[in-house]
Amino acid sequence: MKFGHHIATHSIPAWRPYYVSYKRLKQILKRLEKVSASHPVQTLTATPSTSTQAPEQEWTHRTIQDEFFKTLEEEVDKVEWFYLHKLDECQRMLEGLLVGWFWTVSVAH
């Protein structure tokens, strides 16, 4: 079973918008792979390249690489926001339960 299918069949429907879009990232990587196959570069780095390829080829590669990292950061931010939102929700629920429990215990004594 492929990972994307596994996620789709085992996810909580209401939470799906907050999952990492592996499909979106995979599409960008496939484009990067296609460009790299036709115009090889030495490595994926954030520093200026000393590549001997034509400037437009390197620009295309860097553009797709930048798009991937920007998309990855957006996906991580989305998950982090959801996690923090759910954590806050749970903390508020716990606080309510503790208040109710303390009230019950104090009334019983």
Protein backbone atom coordinates (compact mmCIF):
# COMPACT_ATOMS: atom_id res chain seq x y z
CA MET A 1 0.00 0.00 0.00
CA LYS A 2 1.38 3.39 -0.97
CA PHE A 3 1.88 5.97 1.74
CA GLY A 4 -0.52 8.52 0.24
CA HIS A 5 -3.29 5.93 0.04
CA HIS A 6 -2.58 4.79 3.61
CA ILE A 7 -2.88 8.38 4.89
CA ALA A 8 -6.10 8.95 2.94
CA THR A 9 -7.75 5.81 4.29
CA HIS A 10 -6.55 6.16 7.89
CA SER A 11 -7.01 9.87 8.48
CA ILE A 12 -9.62 11.66 10.54
CA PRO A 13 -11.86 13.33 7.93
CA ALA A 14 -12.26 16.59 9.87
CA TRP A 15 -8.49 16.86 10.23
CA ARG A 16 -7.55 16.18 6.58
CA PRO A 17 -7.05 19.86 5.66
CA TYR A 18 -4.34 20.04 8.33
CA TYR A 19 -2.32 17.02 7.19
CA VAL A 20 0.88 17.50 5.22
CA SER A 21 0.09 17.47 1.51
CA TYR A 22 2.54 14.77 0.50
CA LYS A 23 1.01 14.70 -2.97
CA ARG A 24 1.80 18.40 -3.50
CA LEU A 25 5.38 17.96 -2.29
CA LYS A 26 5.82 14.83 -4.41
CA GLN A 27 4.68 16.71 -7.53
CA ILE A 28 7.30 19.40 -6.94
CA LEU A 29 10.00 16.78 -6.34
CA LYS A 30 9.07 15.01 -9.57
CA ARG A 31 9.47 18.30 -11.47
CA LEU A 32 12.81 18.84 -9.77
CA GLU A 33 13.86 15.30 -10.66
CA LYS A 34 12.88 15.87 -14.29
CA VAL A 35 14.91 19.09 -14.50
CA SER A 36 17.85 17.47 -12.71
CA ALA A 37 17.80 14.48 -15.06
CA SER A 38 17.97 16.70 -18.12
CA HIS A 39 20.37 19.23 -16.57
CA PRO A 40 22.36 17.62 -13.74
CA VAL A 41 23.57 19.75 -10.85
CA GLN A 42 26.13 18.74 -8.28
CA THR A 43 24.09 19.11 -5.07
CA LEU A 44 21.03 20.77 -3.60
CA THR A 45 22.40 23.60 -1.51
CA ALA A 46 21.27 26.97 -0.28
CA THR A 47 24.61 28.52 -1.26
CA PRO A 48 25.50 29.77 -4.71
CA SER A 49 26.45 26.99 -7.06
CA THR A 50 29.69 26.67 -8.97
CA SER A 51 27.83 24.65 -11.61
CA THR A 52 28.87 24.78 -15.25
CA GLN A 53 25.31 24.55 -16.56
CA ALA A 54 23.61 27.35 -18.45
CA PRO A 55 22.15 30.14 -16.24
CA GLU A 56 18.55 29.46 -17.34
CA GLN A 57 18.93 25.77 -16.42
CA GLU A 58 20.30 26.59 -13.00
CA TRP A 59 17.60 29.23 -12.52
CA THR A 60 14.89 26.63 -13.28
CA HIS A 61 16.45 24.16 -10.86
CA ARG A 62 16.79 26.77 -8.10
CA THR A 63 13.25 28.02 -8.69
CA ILE A 64 11.80 24.54 -8.26
CA GLN A 65 14.06 23.88 -5.28
CA ASP A 66 12.93 27.14 -3.65
CA GLU A 67 9.31 26.26 -4.37
CA PHE A 68 9.77 22.89 -2.66
CA PHE A 69 11.26 24.38 0.50
CA LYS A 70 8.65 27.16 0.61
CA THR A 71 5.86 24.59 0.23
CA LEU A 72 7.43 22.35 2.86
CA GLU A 73 7.62 25.26 5.29
CA GLU A 74 3.95 26.12 4.62
CA GLU A 75 2.95 22.51 5.25
CA VAL A 76 4.90 22.37 8.53
CA ASP A 77 3.37 25.68 9.62
CA LYS A 78 -0.11 24.33 8.87
CA VAL A 79 0.50 21.22 10.99
CA GLU A 80 2.07 23.25 13.79
CA TRP A 81 -0.91 25.67 13.87
CA PHE A 82 -3.34 22.74 14.06
CA TYR A 83 -1.31 21.05 16.79
CA LEU A 84 -1.20 24.23 18.88
CA HIS A 85 -4.92 24.79 18.34
CA LYS A 86 -5.73 21.24 19.49
CA LEU A 87 -3.35 21.54 22.44
CA ASP A 88 -5.10 24.74 23.56
CA GLU A 89 -8.48 23.04 23.15
CA CYS A 90 -7.35 20.08 25.28
CA GLN A 91 -5.90 22.35 27.96
CA ARG A 92 -9.20 24.23 28.21
CA MET A 93 -11.12 20.94 28.46
CA LEU A 94 -8.74 19.69 31.17
CA GLU A 95 -9.11 22.93 33.08
CA GLY A 96 -12.90 22.54 33.00
CA LEU A 97 -12.66 18.95 34.21
CA LEU A 98 -10.31 19.90 37.04
CA VAL A 99 -12.57 22.74 38.16
CA GLY A 100 -15.53 20.34 38.18
CA TRP A 101 -13.55 17.71 40.05
CA PHE A 102 -12.30 20.18 42.69
CA TRP A 103 -15.82 21.53 43.14
CA THR A 104 -17.16 17.97 43.58
CA VAL A 105 -14.43 17.09 46.08
CA SER A 106 -14.89 20.29 48.09
CA VAL A 107 -18.68 19.85 48.28
CA ALA A 108 -18.30 16.23 49.39
CA HIS A 109 -16.15 17.27 52.38
